Amino acid sequence: MHAIEFCATFPLMTRSATGLDTDQALLLDNQLCFALYSASLAMTKLYKPLLAELGLTYPQYLAMLALWERDGLTVSELGERLSLDSGTLTPLLKRLEAAGLVARLRAVEDERRVYVTLTAAGRRLKARARKIPGCILAASRCSLPELRQLVGQVRGLREQLAAASPPS
């Protein structure tokens, strides 16, 4: 099924439902995708100097967050948790391993399964990372309840979009 055919399976929003005519609907500033994209860029820019102090890139930080939450994930579990494929995740993990923050260990019972575990240095890094959420909260100028509500809304949107995505 082509993307246009897939879109036809959803009821179209009428001008009265959206409040936008066709030209307004195509304005950049009216696009949810652009609002999310530009917010993501601003967020990544904000994180960059904070993470530089830890010697991490933003994707590496996300991997470390997942491992601080649950150490010993398999590569496939970590990829699923981060929405990353193995082609993206493997080089990221190799860099974390070279930095001494994680170890990758093949399972004895099934060599295809690789576990990612934190090293002592990786566990110690968590203490230095504890200040980052507070910095982000302060920069957002949102209250903690507002930020939690926003996270919930974006997570709900992501789940709805994933459920509506055309088959690969």
C-alpha atoms as a PDB file:
ATOM      1  CA  MET A   1       0.000   0.000   0.000  1.00  0.00           C
ATOM      2  CA  HIS A   2       1.343   3.432  -0.949  1.00  0.00           C
ATOM      3  CA  ALA A   3       1.461   6.172   1.683  1.00  0.00           C
ATOM      4  CA  ILE A   4      -1.250   8.197  -0.041  1.00  0.00           C
ATOM      5  CA  GLU A   5      -3.514   5.131  -0.156  1.00  0.00           C
ATOM      6  CA  PHE A   6      -2.749   4.505   3.518  1.00  0.00           C
ATOM      7  CA  CYS A   7      -3.737   8.075   4.412  1.00  0.00           C
ATOM      8  CA  ALA A   8      -7.038   7.548   2.638  1.00  0.00           C
ATOM      9  CA  THR A   9      -7.925   4.973   5.312  1.00  0.00           C
ATOM     10  CA  PHE A  10      -8.171   7.774   7.886  1.00  0.00           C
ATOM     11  CA  PRO A  11     -11.098  10.176   7.969  1.00  0.00           C
ATOM     12  CA  LEU A  12     -10.041  13.542   6.594  1.00  0.00           C
ATOM     13  CA  MET A  13     -10.278  16.542   8.829  1.00  0.00           C
ATOM     14  CA  THR A  14     -12.584  19.104   7.318  1.00  0.00           C
ATOM     15  CA  ARG A  15     -11.871  22.826   7.275  1.00  0.00           C
ATOM     16  CA  SER A  16     -14.424  23.288  10.023  1.00  0.00           C
ATOM     17  CA  ALA A  17     -12.776  20.601  12.168  1.00  0.00           C
ATOM     18  CA  THR A  18      -9.237  21.959  11.757  1.00  0.00           C
ATOM     19  CA  GLY A  19     -10.039  25.647  11.422  1.00  0.00           C
ATOM     20  CA  LEU A  20      -7.493  25.760   8.581  1.00  0.00           C
ATOM     21  CA  ASP A  21      -7.923  26.079   4.849  1.00  0.00           C
ATOM     22  CA  THR A  22      -5.604  24.085   2.573  1.00  0.00           C
ATOM     23  CA  ASP A  23      -2.989  26.851   2.321  1.00  0.00           C
ATOM     24  CA  GLN A  24      -2.976  27.417   6.092  1.00  0.00           C
ATOM     25  CA  ALA A  25      -2.625  23.674   6.642  1.00  0.00           C
ATOM     26  CA  LEU A  26       0.629  23.773   4.670  1.00  0.00           C
ATOM     27  CA  LEU A  27       2.256  26.624   6.594  1.00  0.00           C
ATOM     28  CA  LEU A  28       5.464  25.514   8.305  1.00  0.00           C
ATOM     29  CA  ASP A  29       4.468  26.988  11.657  1.00  0.00           C
ATOM     30  CA  ASN A  30       1.196  25.012  11.595  1.00  0.00           C
ATOM     31  CA  GLN A  31       3.021  21.672  11.306  1.00  0.00           C
ATOM     32  CA  LEU A  32       3.161  19.430  14.360  1.00  0.00           C
ATOM     33  CA  CYS A  33       6.132  17.653  12.804  1.00  0.00           C
ATOM     34  CA  PHE A  34       8.107  20.897  12.621  1.00  0.00           C
ATOM     35  CA  ALA A  35       7.218  21.887  16.182  1.00  0.00           C
ATOM     36  CA  LEU A  36       8.459  18.501  17.435  1.00  0.00           C
ATOM     37  CA  TYR A  37      11.537  18.545  15.183  1.00  0.00           C
ATOM     38  CA  SER A  38      12.617  22.066  16.135  1.00  0.00           C
ATOM     39  CA  ALA A  39      11.943  21.366  19.828  1.00  0.00           C
ATOM     40  CA  SER A  40      14.112  18.242  19.530  1.00  0.00           C
ATOM     41  CA  LEU A  41      16.926  20.288  17.988  1.00  0.00           C
ATOM     42  CA  ALA A  42      16.669  22.874  20.776  1.00  0.00           C
ATOM     43  CA  MET A  43      16.667  20.115  23.399  1.00  0.00           C
ATOM     44  CA  THR A  44      19.728  18.432  21.901  1.00  0.00           C
ATOM     45  CA  LYS A  45      21.531  21.796  21.771  1.00  0.00           C
ATOM     46  CA  LEU A  46      20.728  22.347  25.454  1.00  0.00           C
ATOM     47  CA  TYR A  47      22.018  18.898  26.410  1.00  0.00           C
ATOM     48  CA  LYS A  48      25.256  19.139  24.406  1.00  0.00           C
ATOM     49  CA  PRO A  49      27.414  21.127  26.876  1.00  0.00           C
ATOM     50  CA  LEU A  50      25.977  19.246  29.865  1.00  0.00           C
ATOM     51  CA  LEU A  51      26.822  15.905  28.285  1.00  0.00           C
ATOM     52  CA  ALA A  52      30.232  17.089  27.084  1.00  0.00           C
ATOM     53  CA  GLU A  53      31.206  17.337  30.760  1.00  0.00           C
ATOM     54  CA  LEU A  54      30.364  13.619  31.035  1.00  0.00           C
ATOM     55  CA  GLY A  55      32.098  12.709  27.789  1.00  0.00           C
ATOM     56  CA  LEU A  56      28.807  11.537  26.248  1.00  0.00           C
ATOM     57  CA  THR A  57      26.838  12.288  23.130  1.00  0.00           C
ATOM     58  CA  TYR A  58      23.062  12.578  23.383  1.00  0.00           C
ATOM     59  CA  PRO A  59      22.402   9.050  22.009  1.00  0.00           C
ATOM     60  CA  GLN A  60      25.052   7.643  24.367  1.00  0.00           C
ATOM     61  CA  TYR A  61      23.349   9.430  27.273  1.00  0.00           C
ATOM     62  CA  LEU A  62      20.033   7.825  26.345  1.00  0.00           C
ATOM     63  CA  ALA A  63      21.704   4.400  26.301  1.00  0.00           C
ATOM     64  CA  MET A  64      23.264   5.065  29.690  1.00  0.00           C
ATOM     65  CA  LEU A  65      19.890   6.184  31.088  1.00  0.00           C
ATOM     66  CA  ALA A  66      18.352   2.907  29.956  1.00  0.00           C
ATOM     67  CA  LEU A  67      21.210   0.916  31.520  1.00  0.00           C
ATOM     68  CA  TRP A  68      21.102   2.889  34.783  1.00  0.00           C
ATOM     69  CA  GLU A  69      17.420   2.008  34.895  1.00  0.00           C
ATOM     70  CA  ARG A  70      18.029  -1.681  34.144  1.00  0.00           C
ATOM     71  CA  ASP A  71      21.557  -3.001  33.829  1.00  0.00           C
ATOM     72  CA  GLY A  72      22.246  -6.126  31.792  1.00  0.00           C
ATOM     73  CA  LEU A  73      19.908  -5.538  28.862  1.00  0.00           C
ATOM     74  CA  THR A  74      20.509  -7.442  25.665  1.00  0.00           C
ATOM     75  CA  VAL A  75      21.492  -5.376  22.643  1.00  0.00           C
ATOM     76  CA  SER A  76      18.077  -6.085  21.109  1.00  0.00           C
ATOM     77  CA  GLU A  77      16.247  -5.028  24.313  1.00  0.00           C
ATOM     78  CA  LEU A  78      18.299  -1.835  24.452  1.00  0.00           C
ATOM     79  CA  GLY A  79      17.615  -1.136  20.783  1.00  0.00           C
ATOM     80  CA  GLU A  80      13.898  -1.637  21.336  1.00  0.00           C
ATOM     81  CA  ARG A  81      13.928   0.605  24.412  1.00  0.00           C
ATOM     82  CA  LEU A  82      15.722   3.389  22.482  1.00  0.00           C
ATOM     83  CA  SER A  83      13.950   2.815  19.143  1.00  0.00           C
ATOM     84  CA  LEU A  84      17.325   2.223  17.472  1.00  0.00           C
ATOM     85  CA  ASP A  85      18.293  -0.494  15.020  1.00  0.00           C
ATOM     86  CA  SER A  86      21.424  -2.577  15.557  1.00  0.00           C
ATOM     87  CA  GLY A  87      23.267  -0.729  12.771  1.00  0.00           C
ATOM     88  CA  THR A  88      22.985   2.479  14.796  1.00  0.00           C
ATOM     89  CA  LEU A  89      23.262   0.942  18.250  1.00  0.00           C
ATOM     90  CA  THR A  90      26.353  -1.239  17.708  1.00  0.00           C
ATOM     91  CA  PRO A  91      28.790   1.628  16.928  1.00  0.00           C
ATOM     92  CA  LEU A  92      27.340   3.621  19.831  1.00  0.00           C
ATOM     93  CA  LEU A  93      27.945   0.687  22.195  1.00  0.00           C
ATOM     94  CA  LYS A  94      31.457   0.169  20.830  1.00  0.00           C
ATOM     95  CA  ARG A  95      32.278   3.792  21.700  1.00  0.00           C
ATOM     96  CA  LEU A  96      30.815   3.410  25.209  1.00  0.00           C
ATOM     97  CA  GLU A  97      32.825   0.208  25.623  1.00  0.00           C
ATOM     98  CA  ALA A  98      36.026   1.931  24.412  1.00  0.00           C
ATOM     99  CA  ALA A  99      35.349   4.677  26.986  1.00  0.00           C
ATOM    100  CA  GLY A 100      35.187   1.996  29.689  1.00  0.00           C
ATOM    101  CA  LEU A 101      31.544   2.657  30.587  1.00  0.00           C
ATOM    102  CA  VAL A 102      29.955  -0.603  29.417  1.00  0.00           C
ATOM    103  CA  ALA A 103      30.941  -4.154  28.605  1.00  0.00           C
ATOM    104  CA  ARG A 104      29.329  -6.330  25.959  1.00  0.00           C
ATOM    105  CA  LEU A 105      29.184 -10.017  26.829  1.00  0.00           C
ATOM    106  CA  ARG A 106      27.981 -12.878  24.624  1.00  0.00           C
ATOM    107  CA  ALA A 107      25.582 -15.278  26.294  1.00  0.00           C
ATOM    108  CA  VAL A 108      27.071 -18.718  26.859  1.00  0.00           C
ATOM    109  CA  GLU A 109      23.793 -20.488  26.039  1.00  0.00           C
ATOM    110  CA  ASP A 110      23.240 -18.519  22.811  1.00  0.00           C
ATOM    111  CA  GLU A 111      26.170 -16.631  21.286  1.00  0.00           C
ATOM    112  CA  ARG A 112      23.793 -14.563  19.149  1.00  0.00           C
ATOM    113  CA  ARG A 113      22.567 -12.848  22.321  1.00  0.00           C
ATOM    114  CA  VAL A 114      24.808 -10.045  23.591  1.00  0.00           C
ATOM    115  CA  TYR A 115      24.298  -8.451  26.991  1.00  0.00           C
ATOM    116  CA  VAL A 116      25.302  -4.881  27.778  1.00  0.00           C
ATOM    117  CA  THR A 117      26.389  -4.273  31.354  1.00  0.00           C
ATOM    118  CA  LEU A 118      27.655  -1.211  33.126  1.00  0.00           C
ATOM    119  CA  THR A 119      31.238  -1.156  34.309  1.00  0.00           C
ATOM    120  CA  ALA A 120      32.173   0.393  37.647  1.00  0.00           C
ATOM    121  CA  ALA A 121      33.015   3.612  35.756  1.00  0.00           C
ATOM    122  CA  GLY A 122      29.616   3.504  34.052  1.00  0.00           C
ATOM    123  CA  ARG A 123      27.866   3.160  37.403  1.00  0.00           C
ATOM    124  CA  ARG A 124      29.934   6.030  38.874  1.00  0.00           C
ATOM    125  CA  LEU A 125      29.020   8.288  35.962  1.00  0.00           C
ATOM    126  CA  LYS A 126      25.377   8.181  37.113  1.00  0.00           C
ATOM    127  CA  ALA A 127      26.241  10.348  40.130  1.00  0.00           C
ATOM    128  CA  ARG A 128      27.675  13.038  37.843  1.00  0.00           C
ATOM    129  CA  ALA A 129      24.608  12.867  35.587  1.00  0.00           C
ATOM    130  CA  ARG A 130      22.154  13.511  38.430  1.00  0.00           C
ATOM    131  CA  LYS A 131      22.286  17.292  37.917  1.00  0.00           C
ATOM    132  CA  ILE A 132      21.161  17.135  34.277  1.00  0.00           C
ATOM    133  CA  PRO A 133      17.386  16.678  34.760  1.00  0.00           C
ATOM    134  CA  GLY A 134      17.303  19.696  37.080  1.00  0.00           C
ATOM    135  CA  CYS A 135      19.161  21.805  34.515  1.00  0.00           C
ATOM    136  CA  ILE A 136      16.679  20.799  31.818  1.00  0.00           C
ATOM    137  CA  LEU A 137      13.720  21.510  34.108  1.00  0.00           C
ATOM    138  CA  ALA A 138      15.097  24.978  34.915  1.00  0.00           C
ATOM    139  CA  ALA A 139      15.765  25.761  31.250  1.00  0.00           C
ATOM    140  CA  SER A 140      12.246  24.675  30.252  1.00  0.00           C
ATOM    141  CA  ARG A 141      10.724  27.161  32.718  1.00  0.00           C
ATOM    142  CA  CYS A 142       7.987  24.599  33.315  1.00  0.00           C
ATOM    143  CA  SER A 143       6.892  23.264  36.665  1.00  0.00           C
ATOM    144  CA  LEU A 144       7.548  19.587  37.325  1.00  0.00           C
ATOM    145  CA  PRO A 145       3.812  18.755  36.974  1.00  0.00           C
ATOM    146  CA  GLU A 146       3.678  20.657  33.663  1.00  0.00           C
ATOM    147  CA  LEU A 147       6.715  18.811  32.361  1.00  0.00           C
ATOM    148  CA  ARG A 148       5.323  15.437  33.440  1.00  0.00           C
ATOM    149  CA  GLN A 149       2.038  16.245  31.696  1.00  0.00           C
ATOM    150  CA  LEU A 150       3.900  17.236  28.520  1.00  0.00           C
ATOM    151  CA  VAL A 151       5.966  14.036  28.593  1.00  0.00           C
ATOM    152  CA  GLY A 152       2.749  12.039  28.934  1.00  0.00           C
ATOM    153  CA  GLN A 153       1.138  13.872  26.028  1.00  0.00           C
ATOM    154  CA  VAL A 154       4.157  13.382  23.752  1.00  0.00           C
ATOM    155  CA  ARG A 155       4.409   9.705  24.752  1.00  0.00           C
ATOM    156  CA  GLY A 156       0.694   9.264  23.977  1.00  0.00           C
ATOM    157  CA  LEU A 157       1.159  10.983  20.623  1.00  0.00           C
ATOM    158  CA  ARG A 158       4.117   8.718  19.814  1.00  0.00           C
ATOM    159  CA  GLU A 159       2.044   5.624  20.622  1.00  0.00           C
ATOM    160  CA  GLN A 160      -0.865   6.832  18.476  1.00  0.00           C
ATOM    161  CA  LEU A 161       1.435   7.623  15.564  1.00  0.00           C
ATOM    162  CA  ALA A 162       3.186   4.269  15.884  1.00  0.00           C
ATOM    163  CA  ALA A 163      -0.156   2.483  15.862  1.00  0.00           C
ATOM    164  CA  ALA A 164      -1.217   4.459  12.766  1.00  0.00           C
ATOM    165  CA  SER A 165       2.024   3.967  10.849  1.00  0.00           C
ATOM    166  CA  PRO A 166       1.734   2.164   7.528  1.00  0.00           C
ATOM    167  CA  PRO A 167       3.189  -1.338   7.465  1.00  0.00           C
ATOM    168  CA  SER A 168       6.863  -1.457   6.518  1.00  0.00           C
END
